[in-house]
Protein backbone atom coordinates (compact mmCIF):
# COMPACT_ATOMS: atom_id res chain seq x y z
CA MET A 1 -152.91 199.98 54.62
CA THR A 2 -154.06 199.94 58.24
CA LEU A 3 -157.27 199.01 60.03
CA GLN A 4 -157.78 202.63 61.01
CA GLY A 5 -157.26 203.80 57.44
CA VAL A 6 -159.73 201.27 56.04
CA ARG A 7 -162.23 202.15 58.76
CA GLN A 8 -162.05 205.85 57.96
CA GLN A 9 -162.27 205.33 54.20
CA LEU A 10 -165.30 203.10 54.60
CA GLN A 11 -166.97 205.89 56.56
CA ASP A 12 -166.24 208.26 53.67
CA VAL A 13 -167.60 205.78 51.11
CA TYR A 14 -170.78 205.10 53.06
CA SER A 15 -171.57 208.75 53.71
CA ARG A 16 -171.15 209.66 50.04
CA LEU A 17 -173.19 206.77 48.67
CA ILE A 18 -175.99 207.47 51.13
CA LEU A 19 -175.87 211.23 50.50
CA THR A 20 -176.10 210.69 46.73
CA ASN A 21 -178.86 208.06 47.03
CA LEU A 22 -176.65 205.43 45.43
CA SER A 23 -177.04 203.19 48.47
CA VAL A 24 -180.63 202.08 48.99
CA LYS A 25 -179.80 199.67 51.82
CA GLN A 26 -176.64 199.29 53.85
CA PHE A 27 -175.05 197.37 56.72
CA HIS A 28 -171.87 198.82 58.10
CA PRO A 29 -168.98 196.28 58.05
CA LYS A 30 -168.52 194.81 61.52
CA GLU A 31 -165.11 194.63 63.18
CA GLN A 32 -163.98 191.49 64.97
CA MET A 33 -160.91 190.67 67.02
CA LEU A 34 -158.97 187.59 65.92
CA PRO A 35 -156.68 185.19 67.82
CA GLY A 36 -153.17 186.59 68.16
CA GLY A 37 -154.32 190.18 68.27
CA GLY A 38 -155.39 190.48 64.66
CA ALA A 39 -158.65 191.98 63.46
CA SER A 40 -161.10 191.67 60.59
CA ILE A 41 -163.53 194.15 59.19
CA GLY A 42 -166.53 193.24 57.07
CA SER A 43 -167.12 189.56 57.79
CA THR A 44 -170.49 188.31 56.46
CA PRO A 45 -172.66 185.37 57.56
CA LEU A 46 -172.41 183.63 54.20
CA GLY A 47 -168.68 182.96 54.16
CA SER A 48 -167.49 181.72 50.77
CA ILE A 49 -170.85 181.15 49.06
CA SER A 50 -169.58 183.12 46.07
CA LEU A 51 -166.78 180.59 45.50
CA ARG A 52 -169.03 177.52 45.37
CA ASP A 53 -169.85 175.83 42.08
CA VAL A 54 -173.51 176.79 41.94
CA SER A 55 -175.46 179.00 39.55
CA TYR A 56 -174.92 182.73 39.73
CA GLU A 57 -178.64 183.21 40.32
CA GLN A 58 -178.39 181.03 43.43
CA ILE A 59 -175.30 182.91 44.67
CA TYR A 60 -176.91 186.32 44.24
CA THR A 61 -180.26 185.25 45.70
CA GLU A 62 -178.69 183.79 48.82
CA ILE A 63 -176.51 186.84 49.43
CA GLU A 64 -179.35 189.29 48.83
CA SER A 65 -182.08 187.42 50.73
CA LYS A 66 -179.91 186.85 53.81
CA ASP A 67 -178.46 190.39 53.87
CA GLY A 68 -174.96 189.00 53.29
CA TYR A 69 -173.70 192.24 51.75
CA HIS A 70 -172.75 195.72 52.91
CA ILE A 71 -174.23 198.10 50.32
CA LYS A 72 -177.10 197.67 47.87
CA LEU A 73 -177.17 199.92 44.82
CA PRO A 74 -180.42 201.18 43.18
CA ASP A 75 -180.36 198.50 40.47
CA GLY A 76 -179.83 195.68 42.98
CA GLY A 77 -176.04 195.52 42.72
CA LEU A 78 -174.44 194.31 45.96
CA LEU A 79 -171.09 195.42 47.41
CA ILE A 80 -169.04 193.49 49.96
CA PHE A 81 -165.95 194.77 51.80
CA GLN A 82 -163.73 192.32 53.73
CA TYR A 83 -160.28 193.11 55.20
CA THR A 84 -158.10 191.10 57.61
CA PHE A 85 -155.09 192.38 59.62
CA ASP A 86 -152.54 190.52 61.72
CA GLY A 87 -151.54 191.35 65.30
CA GLY A 88 -149.03 193.92 64.05
CA GLY A 89 -151.68 195.77 62.06
CA VAL A 90 -150.41 194.52 58.70
CA LEU A 91 -153.00 193.74 56.02
CA THR A 92 -153.01 189.99 55.36
CA LYS A 93 -156.07 189.60 53.11
CA HIS A 94 -158.93 191.44 51.50
CA ARG A 95 -161.88 190.52 49.33
CA LEU A 96 -163.93 193.22 47.63
CA CYS A 97 -166.94 191.96 45.68
CA TYR A 98 -169.57 193.36 43.35
CA PHE A 99 -172.56 191.16 42.56
CA PRO A 100 -174.93 192.71 40.02
CA SER A 101 -178.55 191.63 40.10
CA PHE A 102 -179.35 189.03 37.44
CA VAL A 103 -182.71 190.78 36.96
CA LEU A 104 -183.55 194.45 37.27
CA PRO A 105 -186.03 195.56 39.95
CA THR A 106 -189.60 196.16 38.81
CA VAL A 107 -191.10 199.64 38.43
CA ASP A 108 -192.85 199.21 41.79
CA GLU A 109 -189.64 198.15 43.53
CA ALA A 110 -187.47 200.96 42.10
CA PRO A 111 -189.58 203.55 40.28
CA HIS A 112 -186.71 206.07 40.19
CA LEU A 113 -184.76 203.77 37.85
CA TYR A 114 -187.45 204.24 35.23
CA GLU A 115 -188.65 207.75 36.00
CA ASN A 116 -185.15 209.21 35.94
CA ASP A 117 -183.06 208.42 32.86
CA GLU A 118 -179.71 208.88 34.63
CA LEU A 119 -179.25 205.12 35.02
CA TYR A 120 -180.83 204.12 31.72
CA GLY A 121 -177.70 203.75 29.63
CA ASP A 122 -175.83 202.06 32.45
CA VAL A 123 -178.18 199.31 33.60
CA ILE A 124 -181.39 199.06 31.57
CA LEU A 125 -180.23 198.53 27.99
CA LYS A 126 -181.09 195.00 26.84
CA LYS A 127 -177.69 194.45 25.22
CA LEU A 128 -175.83 194.74 28.52
CA VAL A 129 -174.36 191.70 30.23
CA ARG A 130 -173.92 192.19 33.97
CA PHE A 131 -171.15 190.17 35.62
CA PRO A 132 -169.60 189.86 39.10
CA ILE A 133 -166.27 191.50 39.93
CA ARG A 134 -163.89 190.58 42.75
CA PHE A 135 -160.63 192.12 43.98
CA ASP A 136 -158.56 189.75 46.14
CA TYR A 137 -155.41 190.37 48.13
CA ASP A 138 -153.79 187.23 49.55
CA PRO A 139 -149.97 187.30 49.70
CA GLY A 140 -149.93 183.97 51.53
CA ALA A 141 -151.25 182.20 48.43
CA HIS A 142 -148.88 183.93 46.00
CA LYS A 143 -147.52 182.05 42.98
CA ASP A 144 -145.70 184.25 40.51
CA VAL A 145 -147.98 185.22 37.59
CA VAL A 146 -150.37 182.31 38.30
CA HIS A 147 -151.72 183.75 41.55
CA PRO A 148 -150.60 187.38 42.05
CA LYS A 149 -150.71 188.72 45.61
CA SER A 150 -153.35 191.20 44.52
CA HIS A 151 -155.59 190.36 41.58
CA LEU A 152 -158.90 191.00 39.84
CA THR A 153 -161.37 188.26 38.91
CA LEU A 154 -164.12 188.91 36.37
CA GLY A 155 -167.25 186.85 35.89
CA GLN A 156 -166.43 184.14 38.44
CA TYR A 157 -163.85 182.55 36.12
CA GLU A 158 -161.78 180.30 38.38
CA ASN A 159 -158.44 181.05 36.73
CA CYS A 160 -159.04 184.72 35.98
CA ARG A 161 -156.49 186.53 38.14
CA ILE A 162 -155.50 189.79 36.51
CA PRO A 163 -152.52 191.22 38.45
CA ILE A 164 -153.13 194.39 40.45
CA ASP A 165 -150.27 196.60 41.59
CA GLY A 166 -151.24 196.38 45.26
CA ALA A 167 -154.02 196.05 47.81
CA VAL A 168 -157.19 197.91 46.84
CA SER A 169 -158.72 200.50 49.15
CA PRO A 170 -162.50 200.81 49.70
CA ASN A 171 -162.62 204.11 47.83
CA ALA A 172 -160.63 202.80 44.84
CA PHE A 173 -162.96 199.80 44.60
CA VAL A 174 -166.17 201.83 44.69
CA MET A 175 -164.94 204.53 42.33
CA PHE A 176 -163.77 201.88 39.84
CA LEU A 177 -167.32 200.50 39.76
CA LEU A 178 -169.08 203.86 39.57
CA ARG A 179 -166.89 205.38 36.88
CA ASN A 180 -167.03 202.34 34.62
CA PHE A 181 -170.46 200.78 35.21
CA TYR A 182 -172.59 203.60 36.61
CA SER A 183 -171.04 206.47 34.68
CA ASN A 184 -174.21 208.53 34.26
CA SER A 185 -174.85 208.47 38.01
CA TYR A 186 -171.19 209.18 38.70
CA ARG A 187 -171.07 212.22 36.41
CA LYS A 188 -174.23 213.66 37.94
CA ARG A 189 -172.78 213.34 41.45
CA LYS A 190 -169.13 213.87 40.58
CA ASN A 191 -168.56 216.81 42.92
CA THR A 192 -169.61 214.77 45.95
CA LEU A 193 -168.09 211.43 44.94
CA ASP A 194 -164.73 212.91 43.94
CA LYS A 195 -164.12 214.68 47.25
CA LYS A 196 -160.78 213.77 48.75
CA SER A 197 -161.05 210.63 50.84
CA HIS A 198 -158.91 209.57 53.80
CA HIS A 199 -155.44 208.89 52.42
CA ILE A 200 -154.25 205.28 52.33
CA PRO A 201 -150.64 204.83 51.13
CA THR A 202 -150.13 202.28 48.39
CA MET A 203 -147.31 199.76 47.93
CA SER A 204 -146.77 197.74 44.77
CA THR A 205 -146.81 193.97 45.15
CA LEU A 206 -146.18 193.13 41.49
CA THR A 207 -143.20 190.95 40.66
CA ILE A 208 -140.95 191.54 37.65
CA GLU A 209 -142.71 188.79 35.69
CA GLU A 210 -146.17 190.13 36.57
CA ARG A 211 -145.18 193.57 35.30
CA ARG A 212 -144.41 192.01 31.91
CA ILE A 213 -147.98 190.88 31.38
CA ALA A 214 -151.21 192.91 31.32
CA HIS A 215 -151.96 194.31 34.76
CA PHE A 216 -153.93 197.06 36.50
CA ILE A 217 -152.70 200.09 38.42
CA THR A 218 -155.28 201.18 41.00
CA GLY A 219 -155.99 204.55 42.52
CA ARG A 220 -156.63 205.42 46.17
């Protein structure tokens, strides 16, 4: 996974979400040069607010009110893309976050959510429990099974680190969310969203022990 590959895939993701009206507000991830010749893409002004021990409502409100995200979905869900590369162009870290709104927008704020039933079953049903999702890649912090190089955290649980078979691309992250949590919208726009994206080769980072427990295999 290279900086150029991530950059091109992000362009694909943005254009498709904007074209399909699934992004209602967006800020393109900024690139920044790092000491030693490395580079980052997608840094936000809020740093690690999502990792602090404060209420989820406070986390979401601060991120949303200070535009500390990259894409905002019609129901208020926020997407964040962060990748870091070393001087040799090797991926050293990534953090991909989804923060659903703890309350749905009002009819005045997002009339299309209520006028068009395509999102109804996905986000409006009272029985649904919305929860944050985070994909982390951090080989420098690896501890076999306990802290996989690439892992998925659900619901902000501190010790929830479900092993992932490798670093997660922007397209794989977004399509995982759309197919599973916005399925009605995805199916309606499938032809556009499923178009072939810029290819990013994958490489498994799972250890033998991590393969013996439940783990996820991601797409591209």
